[in-house]
Amino acid sequence: MCDLTGQLAGAGATKILAALGAEVIRVENPRNQGRWDMMRTVGPYVDDRRGPNLGVGFNNHNVGKLGVTIDLADPRGKELFADLVRISDAVTENFAAGVMDRLGFGYEQLRGLREGVVYVSSSGFGADGPYREFKTWGPIVQAMSGLTFTSGLPDMEPAGWGYSYMDHMGAYAMALALLVGLHVRDTTGQGQWIDLATTEAALTLHGPALLDWTVNGRGRRRPGQPNGNHAIYDEMAPHSVYPARGDDCWVAIACRDDDEWVRAAGVLGSWAHDEQWRTLAARLARQDELDARIAAWTADRDAEDTARALVAVGVPASAVRRPPERIDGDPDLAGWGLFPEVEHPEIGRTRVEGLPIHLSETDWSIASAAPCLGQHTDYVLGELLGRDADTIDELRAAGVV
């Protein structure tokens, strides 16, 4: 795979393919030291050192890939890139729309170099339409798609999602598109261009809200909405996060029907057996009061103890885990193997994020760290593209690689 992606939305997609066995060759610009991908030079960091190889976000999203630097503005660099495309099954990028055409490597040029190539482009609004040239980041996609507007607490201003969650969701969509394209190519021999708009991908997270509007004419923002921690469509009560003993400690509790409420009441105490709470309709009608009663009960109790007591009687509940509690203190996660260790040339031994799936016969594997800038240039140009050592030295001296 010839990979021009960056940031989270693109690099996160090709990381998945690399973990599943693809040889992903990450192509970066030697002249700007790969800084188009800002993840190379932003934190967090493991110590006080800074540089294009030390950004933890970059190193998490590019494990298992090879790294080569090629100046695509130079005719000699274009020739190298063309040769790389000729041996690639797929080309991936998440530049702004039109960048690949301006570089001379639009889809028509790519398939002229490699018949059957699968080309996946990802941008905020896709390759066509009135917004095609708009540049976006995850929070912009979230705002434009409506996710920001429909999030938050009841009767308050939109809260947004805080972080670039749509970068991650866009990466999943891009990985799926790439797998579909490769499957079709392997089945029919036909390659294609797959155009992904992350703003449209965000709309897939709006399913119930879109249906509610198109079928019922009812918007998500109305009195009492958005729903905060409550269930959206009045199907559960209680359904929220409640304070627990300790500093910033919480427990999540959800009862899906009256039977589960009866089970919960056996743990919550005598007040919960009152007839006023017996039916779902009654609990929904006084949900704020119900939340206050539950919160008063949970506030003096350990979150883990509360969750265990409820789970023991068949009620869904969980302590709200902090990252160290989940990553280092949870035996389930340790057994899953979600955070394998890799050896990085500059950072040293470090944990990275794996995939949340396991395949019984062909499981994923992450055995190598993200590439330092141009780390595999000699291998790619020499072993894969057939350039001799003198030619590579000349290209490096000229700044082409």
Protein backbone atom coordinates (compact mmCIF):
# COMPACT_ATOMS: atom_id res chain seq x y z
CA MET A 1 0.00 0.00 0.00
CA CYS A 2 1.24 3.45 -0.97
CA ASP A 3 0.13 5.60 1.95
CA LEU A 4 0.04 9.40 1.87
CA THR A 5 -2.31 9.76 4.83
CA GLY A 6 -1.71 11.73 7.98
CA GLN A 7 -3.31 12.95 11.19
CA LEU A 8 -5.71 10.57 12.91
CA ALA A 9 -8.39 10.25 10.23
CA GLY A 10 -6.01 8.88 7.60
CA ALA A 11 -3.16 7.27 9.50
CA GLY A 12 -5.60 5.51 11.81
CA ALA A 13 -7.15 3.76 8.80
CA THR A 14 -3.94 2.41 7.33
CA LYS A 15 -2.78 1.37 10.81
CA ILE A 16 -5.67 -1.11 10.82
CA LEU A 17 -4.61 -2.53 7.46
CA ALA A 18 -0.99 -2.78 8.60
CA ALA A 19 -2.03 -4.70 11.72
CA LEU A 20 -4.01 -7.09 9.52
CA GLY A 21 -0.96 -7.85 7.39
CA ALA A 22 -0.66 -5.20 4.68
CA GLU A 23 2.76 -3.77 3.81
CA VAL A 24 1.98 -0.10 4.26
CA ILE A 25 4.59 2.32 2.90
CA ARG A 26 4.13 5.77 4.36
CA VAL A 27 5.30 8.51 1.96
CA GLU A 28 6.34 11.87 3.45
CA ASN A 29 7.97 15.07 2.26
CA PRO A 30 11.69 15.39 3.07
CA ARG A 31 11.64 19.16 2.61
CA ASN A 32 9.20 19.89 5.42
CA GLN A 33 10.36 16.92 7.50
CA GLY A 34 6.95 15.29 7.37
CA ARG A 35 5.32 18.20 9.16
CA TRP A 36 2.21 18.13 6.98
CA ASP A 37 1.19 15.50 9.52
CA MET A 38 1.05 17.64 12.64
CA MET A 39 0.90 14.51 14.78
CA ARG A 40 4.64 14.14 14.26
CA THR A 41 5.37 17.23 16.32
CA VAL A 42 2.59 17.51 18.90
CA GLY A 43 2.36 15.85 22.29
CA PRO A 44 1.99 14.13 24.48
CA TYR A 45 5.65 13.18 24.78
CA VAL A 46 7.36 10.61 26.97
CA ASP A 47 9.97 13.09 28.24
CA ASP A 48 11.42 16.56 27.55
CA ARG A 49 12.73 15.69 24.09
CA ARG A 50 11.00 17.13 21.04
CA GLY A 51 11.24 16.30 17.35
CA PRO A 52 9.43 14.81 14.35
CA ASN A 53 9.85 11.25 15.60
CA LEU A 54 8.65 11.72 19.17
CA GLY A 55 4.96 12.66 19.05
CA VAL A 56 3.08 9.92 20.87
CA GLY A 57 -0.08 10.36 18.78
CA PHE A 58 1.90 9.85 15.58
CA ASN A 59 3.67 6.82 16.97
CA ASN A 60 0.41 5.25 18.10
CA HIS A 61 -1.31 5.62 14.71
CA ASN A 62 1.57 4.54 12.48
CA VAL A 63 2.81 1.33 14.06
CA GLY A 64 3.68 -1.47 11.69
CA LYS A 65 4.32 0.80 8.69
CA LEU A 66 7.39 1.49 6.61
CA GLY A 67 8.48 5.11 6.19
CA VAL A 68 9.98 6.70 3.07
CA THR A 69 10.57 10.34 2.15
CA ILE A 70 10.00 11.48 -1.44
CA ASP A 71 9.64 15.04 -2.72
CA LEU A 72 6.60 14.85 -5.00
CA ALA A 73 7.25 18.35 -6.35
CA ASP A 74 10.54 17.22 -7.90
CA PRO A 75 10.44 15.39 -11.27
CA ARG A 76 12.78 12.72 -9.89
CA GLY A 77 10.51 12.32 -6.89
CA LYS A 78 7.50 11.98 -9.17
CA GLU A 79 9.28 9.21 -11.03
CA LEU A 80 10.00 7.38 -7.77
CA PHE A 81 6.42 7.75 -6.63
CA ALA A 82 5.11 6.51 -9.98
CA ASP A 83 7.26 3.41 -9.63
CA LEU A 84 5.92 2.88 -6.11
CA VAL A 85 2.35 3.10 -7.40
CA ARG A 86 3.16 0.50 -10.05
CA ILE A 87 3.82 -2.10 -7.34
CA SER A 88 1.01 -1.04 -5.00
CA ASP A 89 -2.43 -2.57 -4.58
CA ALA A 90 -3.81 0.61 -3.05
CA VAL A 91 -3.07 4.33 -2.74
CA THR A 92 -4.49 6.22 0.22
CA GLU A 93 -4.54 9.91 1.10
CA ASN A 94 -6.50 12.43 3.14
CA PHE A 95 -5.34 15.69 1.61
CA ALA A 96 -7.76 18.47 0.84
CA ALA A 97 -9.74 17.73 -2.32
CA GLY A 98 -7.75 18.34 -5.51
CA VAL A 99 -4.24 18.07 -4.06
CA MET A 100 -3.46 14.77 -5.78
CA ASP A 101 -4.62 16.14 -9.13
CA ARG A 102 -2.33 19.14 -8.72
CA LEU A 103 0.57 16.81 -7.93
CA GLY A 104 -0.15 14.92 -11.15
CA PHE A 105 -1.42 11.79 -9.41
CA GLY A 106 -5.20 11.93 -9.65
CA TYR A 107 -7.15 8.74 -10.13
CA GLU A 108 -6.80 8.67 -13.91
CA GLN A 109 -3.02 8.94 -13.60
CA LEU A 110 -2.89 6.33 -10.82
CA ARG A 111 -4.84 3.70 -12.71
CA GLY A 112 -2.74 4.40 -15.77
CA LEU A 113 0.26 3.41 -13.67
CA ARG A 114 -1.36 0.41 -12.01
CA GLU A 115 -4.38 -1.31 -13.50
CA GLY A 116 -6.72 -2.41 -10.74
CA VAL A 117 -5.36 0.03 -8.17
CA VAL A 118 -7.72 0.90 -5.33
CA TYR A 119 -7.51 4.61 -4.58
CA VAL A 120 -9.12 5.92 -1.39
CA SER A 121 -9.31 9.66 -0.79
CA SER A 122 -10.70 11.07 2.43
CA SER A 123 -11.55 14.71 3.05
CA GLY A 124 -14.05 16.71 5.03
CA PHE A 125 -16.64 17.09 2.27
CA GLY A 126 -15.46 14.76 -0.48
CA ALA A 127 -14.08 15.46 -3.93
CA ASP A 128 -17.20 17.15 -5.37
CA GLY A 129 -19.81 19.66 -4.31
CA PRO A 130 -19.80 23.27 -3.13
CA TYR A 131 -17.76 22.54 0.01
CA ARG A 132 -15.08 20.40 -1.63
CA GLU A 133 -12.26 22.90 -1.01
CA PHE A 134 -13.09 23.56 2.64
CA LYS A 135 -10.39 22.36 5.01
CA THR A 136 -11.63 20.55 8.09
CA TRP A 137 -10.52 19.04 11.36
CA GLY A 138 -12.51 16.66 13.53
CA PRO A 139 -14.31 19.39 15.54
CA ILE A 140 -15.35 21.14 12.30
CA VAL A 141 -16.78 17.91 10.93
CA GLN A 142 -18.64 17.36 14.19
CA ALA A 143 -20.11 20.86 14.08
CA MET A 144 -21.04 20.77 10.39
CA SER A 145 -22.65 17.35 10.65
CA GLY A 146 -24.86 18.36 13.57
CA LEU A 147 -23.20 16.18 16.20
CA THR A 148 -22.16 19.24 18.19
CA PHE A 149 -25.67 20.69 18.09
CA THR A 150 -27.30 17.51 19.35
CA SER A 151 -24.87 16.90 22.22
CA GLY A 152 -24.81 18.26 25.72
CA LEU A 153 -27.09 18.63 28.71
CA PRO A 154 -30.83 19.39 28.62
CA ASP A 155 -31.79 23.01 27.97
CA MET A 156 -28.17 24.18 27.73
CA GLU A 157 -25.96 25.35 24.89
CA PRO A 158 -24.34 22.72 22.62
CA ALA A 159 -21.41 21.12 24.39
CA GLY A 160 -19.66 19.54 21.44
CA TRP A 161 -17.59 16.42 21.70
CA GLY A 162 -14.43 18.12 22.93
CA TYR A 163 -11.88 16.01 21.10
CA SER A 164 -11.56 15.01 17.45
CA TYR A 165 -13.70 11.91 17.73
CA MET A 166 -14.70 12.13 14.08
CA ASP A 167 -11.06 11.73 13.12
CA HIS A 168 -11.24 8.27 14.66
CA MET A 169 -14.64 7.48 13.17
CA GLY A 170 -13.40 8.73 9.80
CA ALA A 171 -10.46 6.34 10.11
CA TYR A 172 -12.79 3.39 10.69
CA ALA A 173 -14.88 4.41 7.67
CA MET A 174 -11.76 4.74 5.54
CA ALA A 175 -10.44 1.33 6.61
CA LEU A 176 -13.81 -0.25 5.78
CA ALA A 177 -13.86 1.46 2.38
CA LEU A 178 -10.36 0.23 1.65
CA LEU A 179 -11.19 -3.36 2.60
CA VAL A 180 -14.32 -3.30 0.43
CA GLY A 181 -12.35 -1.90 -2.51
CA LEU A 182 -9.67 -4.56 -2.18
CA HIS A 183 -12.29 -7.31 -1.89
CA VAL A 184 -14.01 -6.15 -5.08
CA ARG A 185 -10.65 -5.92 -6.85
CA ASP A 186 -9.70 -9.44 -5.74
CA THR A 187 -13.10 -10.75 -6.83
CA THR A 188 -13.51 -8.96 -10.16
CA GLY A 189 -10.08 -7.60 -10.99
CA GLN A 190 -11.53 -4.10 -11.11
CA GLY A 191 -9.97 -1.26 -9.16
CA GLN A 192 -11.76 1.95 -8.35
CA TRP A 193 -11.65 5.34 -6.67
CA ILE A 194 -13.41 5.47 -3.32
CA ASP A 195 -14.23 9.03 -2.27
CA LEU A 196 -14.89 9.43 1.47
CA ALA A 197 -16.44 12.53 3.06
CA THR A 198 -15.95 12.46 6.83
CA THR A 199 -18.83 14.89 7.34
CA GLU A 200 -21.13 12.39 5.67
CA ALA A 201 -19.59 9.63 7.77
CA ALA A 202 -20.58 11.64 10.84
CA LEU A 203 -24.20 11.52 9.74
CA THR A 204 -24.18 7.76 10.28
CA LEU A 205 -23.99 8.50 14.01
CA HIS A 206 -27.22 10.49 13.75
CA GLY A 207 -29.53 7.61 12.83
CA PRO A 208 -32.25 7.95 15.52
CA ALA A 209 -32.17 11.76 15.41
CA LEU A 210 -32.48 11.82 11.61
CA LEU A 211 -35.38 9.39 11.69
CA ASP A 212 -37.10 11.34 14.44
CA TRP A 213 -36.88 14.50 12.35
CA THR A 214 -37.83 13.00 8.98
CA VAL A 215 -40.66 10.81 10.32
CA ASN A 216 -41.98 12.81 13.27
CA GLY A 217 -40.78 16.34 12.50
CA ARG A 218 -39.25 16.42 15.97
CA GLY A 219 -35.78 17.92 16.46
CA ARG A 220 -33.28 16.77 19.04
CA ARG A 221 -33.10 20.21 20.67
CA ARG A 222 -36.37 20.80 22.47
CA PRO A 223 -37.38 21.21 26.14
CA GLY A 224 -35.59 18.55 28.14
CA GLN A 225 -33.28 17.69 25.24
CA PRO A 226 -30.56 16.79 24.44
CA ASN A 227 -30.75 13.99 26.89
CA GLY A 228 -27.40 14.23 28.68
CA ASN A 229 -26.90 10.86 30.38
CA HIS A 230 -30.56 9.87 30.14
CA ALA A 231 -31.79 7.39 27.54
CA ILE A 232 -32.82 9.26 24.41
CA TYR A 233 -36.26 7.84 23.74
CA ASP A 234 -37.73 7.22 27.19
CA GLU A 235 -36.92 3.53 27.14
CA MET A 236 -34.95 3.33 30.41
CA ALA A 237 -35.04 4.88 33.87
CA PRO A 238 -32.80 5.09 35.75
CA HIS A 239 -30.16 5.62 33.08
CA SER A 240 -27.35 7.89 34.23
CA VAL A 241 -24.03 8.32 36.01
CA TYR A 242 -24.13 8.90 39.76
CA PRO A 243 -21.59 10.20 42.30
CA ALA A 244 -19.71 7.72 44.46
CA ARG A 245 -17.51 8.00 47.54
CA GLY A 246 -14.18 9.66 46.85
CA ASP A 247 -12.87 12.51 44.73
CA ASP A 248 -14.49 12.56 41.28
CA CYS A 249 -15.70 8.97 41.56
CA TRP A 250 -18.82 7.83 39.70
CA VAL A 251 -20.94 4.81 38.94
CA ALA A 252 -23.15 4.17 35.89
CA ILE A 253 -26.53 2.46 36.37
CA ALA A 254 -29.16 1.55 33.76
CA CYS A 255 -32.44 -0.35 34.17
CA ARG A 256 -34.09 -1.33 30.91
CA ASP A 257 -37.44 -2.51 32.32
CA ASP A 258 -39.55 -2.90 35.46
CA ASP A 259 -38.06 -6.30 36.25
CA GLU A 260 -34.56 -4.85 36.42
CA TRP A 261 -35.87 -2.00 38.56
CA VAL A 262 -37.27 -4.49 41.07
CA ARG A 263 -33.86 -6.16 41.17
CA ALA A 264 -32.14 -2.80 41.64
CA ALA A 265 -34.57 -1.83 44.38
CA GLY A 266 -33.43 -4.83 46.38
CA VAL A 267 -29.97 -3.25 46.47
CA LEU A 268 -30.96 0.42 46.71
CA GLY A 269 -33.08 -0.05 49.82
CA SER A 270 -36.62 0.37 51.13
CA TRP A 271 -37.29 3.75 49.49
CA ALA A 272 -36.94 2.16 46.04
CA HIS A 273 -39.79 -0.27 46.75
CA ASP A 274 -42.30 2.57 46.99
CA GLU A 275 -45.15 2.15 44.49
CA GLN A 276 -44.39 5.57 42.96
CA TRP A 277 -41.29 4.04 41.31
CA ARG A 278 -42.83 0.72 40.30
CA THR A 279 -43.45 1.38 36.58
CA LEU A 280 -41.23 2.75 33.86
CA ALA A 281 -43.80 5.46 33.06
CA ALA A 282 -43.77 6.61 36.67
CA ARG A 283 -39.98 6.68 36.84
CA LEU A 284 -39.72 8.62 33.59
CA ALA A 285 -42.27 11.17 34.82
CA ARG A 286 -40.09 11.94 37.85
CA GLN A 287 -36.66 11.10 36.47
CA ASP A 288 -34.84 14.06 38.02
CA GLU A 289 -36.22 13.19 41.46
CA LEU A 290 -35.32 9.55 40.90
CA ASP A 291 -31.76 10.52 39.96
CA ALA A 292 -31.47 12.62 43.10
CA ARG A 293 -32.60 9.71 45.30
CA ILE A 294 -30.17 7.30 43.67
CA ALA A 295 -27.33 9.84 43.85
CA ALA A 296 -27.95 10.35 47.57
CA TRP A 297 -27.63 6.58 48.04
CA THR A 298 -24.53 6.08 45.85
CA ALA A 299 -22.61 9.12 47.11
CA ASP A 300 -21.54 7.42 50.35
CA ARG A 301 -20.61 4.12 48.75
CA ASP A 302 -17.62 2.82 46.85
CA ALA A 303 -18.29 2.81 43.09
CA GLU A 304 -16.87 -0.67 42.53
CA ASP A 305 -18.85 -2.12 45.46
CA THR A 306 -22.06 -0.51 44.18
CA ALA A 307 -21.52 -1.85 40.67
CA ARG A 308 -20.73 -5.36 41.91
CA ALA A 309 -23.85 -5.45 44.09
CA LEU A 310 -26.09 -4.41 41.19
CA VAL A 311 -24.46 -6.71 38.64
CA ALA A 312 -24.87 -9.60 41.08
CA VAL A 313 -28.67 -9.24 40.85
CA GLY A 314 -28.71 -8.77 37.07
CA VAL A 315 -28.70 -4.97 36.76
CA PRO A 316 -26.23 -3.36 34.30
CA ALA A 317 -23.81 -1.16 36.26
CA SER A 318 -20.16 -0.17 36.22
CA ALA A 319 -17.78 2.08 38.05
CA VAL A 320 -16.61 4.92 35.82
CA ARG A 321 -12.99 4.01 35.22
CA ARG A 322 -10.09 6.41 34.90
CA PRO A 323 -7.54 5.49 32.22
CA PRO A 324 -4.99 3.98 34.68
CA GLU A 325 -7.73 1.89 36.27
CA ARG A 326 -8.86 0.60 32.90
CA ILE A 327 -5.50 0.21 31.21
CA ASP A 328 -3.34 -1.05 34.06
CA GLY A 329 -5.81 -2.33 36.64
CA ASP A 330 -8.34 -4.31 34.65
CA PRO A 331 -7.56 -8.04 34.21
CA ASP A 332 -10.02 -8.26 31.32
CA LEU A 333 -8.10 -5.71 29.28
CA ALA A 334 -4.78 -7.31 30.16
CA GLY A 335 -6.06 -10.63 28.87
CA TRP A 336 -7.29 -9.02 25.66
CA GLY A 337 -3.81 -7.79 24.72
CA LEU A 338 -5.04 -4.42 23.51
CA PHE A 339 -1.77 -2.61 24.27
CA PRO A 340 1.19 -4.47 22.75
CA GLU A 341 4.73 -3.22 23.27
CA VAL A 342 7.06 -2.15 20.46
CA GLU A 343 10.66 -0.97 20.38
CA HIS A 344 11.06 2.54 18.95
CA PRO A 345 14.52 3.72 17.78
CA GLU A 346 14.30 6.99 19.74
CA ILE A 347 11.58 6.51 22.34
CA GLY A 348 12.56 3.00 23.40
CA ARG A 349 10.15 0.32 24.54
CA THR A 350 6.60 1.65 24.61
CA ARG A 351 3.00 0.49 24.57
CA VAL A 352 0.74 1.24 21.63
CA GLU A 353 -2.93 0.66 20.92
CA GLY A 354 -3.92 -2.55 19.17
CA LEU A 355 -7.23 -3.48 17.57
CA PRO A 356 -10.46 -4.25 19.49
CA ILE A 357 -11.02 -7.49 17.56
CA HIS A 358 -9.49 -10.96 17.48
CA LEU A 359 -9.58 -13.31 14.49
CA SER A 360 -9.33 -17.00 15.38
CA GLU A 361 -7.18 -17.94 12.37
CA THR A 362 -5.56 -14.75 11.05
CA ASP A 363 -5.34 -12.40 14.01
CA TRP A 364 -3.82 -8.94 13.85
CA SER A 365 -0.22 -8.33 14.84
CA ILE A 366 1.73 -5.21 15.74
CA ALA A 367 5.42 -6.02 15.95
CA SER A 368 7.19 -2.83 14.87
CA ALA A 369 7.06 0.80 15.94
CA ALA A 370 6.03 3.72 13.78
CA PRO A 371 8.77 4.72 11.35
CA CYS A 372 11.15 7.54 12.08
CA LEU A 373 11.22 10.07 9.25
CA GLY A 374 12.59 8.31 6.17
CA GLN A 375 13.66 5.28 8.18
CA HIS A 376 13.03 2.80 5.35
CA THR A 377 13.91 4.98 2.36
CA ASP A 378 16.95 2.88 1.42
CA TYR A 379 14.96 -0.36 1.63
CA VAL A 380 12.01 0.92 -0.40
CA LEU A 381 14.10 2.56 -3.10
CA GLY A 382 16.68 -0.22 -3.22
CA GLU A 383 14.84 -3.47 -2.57
CA LEU A 384 11.42 -2.57 -3.96
CA LEU A 385 12.19 0.00 -6.67
CA GLY A 386 15.59 -1.29 -7.81
CA ARG A 387 17.68 1.86 -7.31
CA ASP A 388 21.34 1.28 -6.56
CA ALA A 389 23.16 2.79 -3.59
CA ASP A 390 24.88 5.52 -5.64
CA THR A 391 21.57 6.68 -7.11
CA ILE A 392 19.97 6.79 -3.66
CA ASP A 393 22.91 8.82 -2.34
CA GLU A 394 22.55 11.28 -5.22
CA LEU A 395 18.81 11.64 -4.62
CA ARG A 396 19.43 12.20 -0.91
CA ALA A 397 22.11 14.82 -1.58
CA ALA A 398 19.69 16.65 -3.89
CA GLY A 399 16.95 16.62 -1.25
CA VAL A 400 14.65 14.45 -3.36
CA VAL A 401 14.59 11.84 -0.59
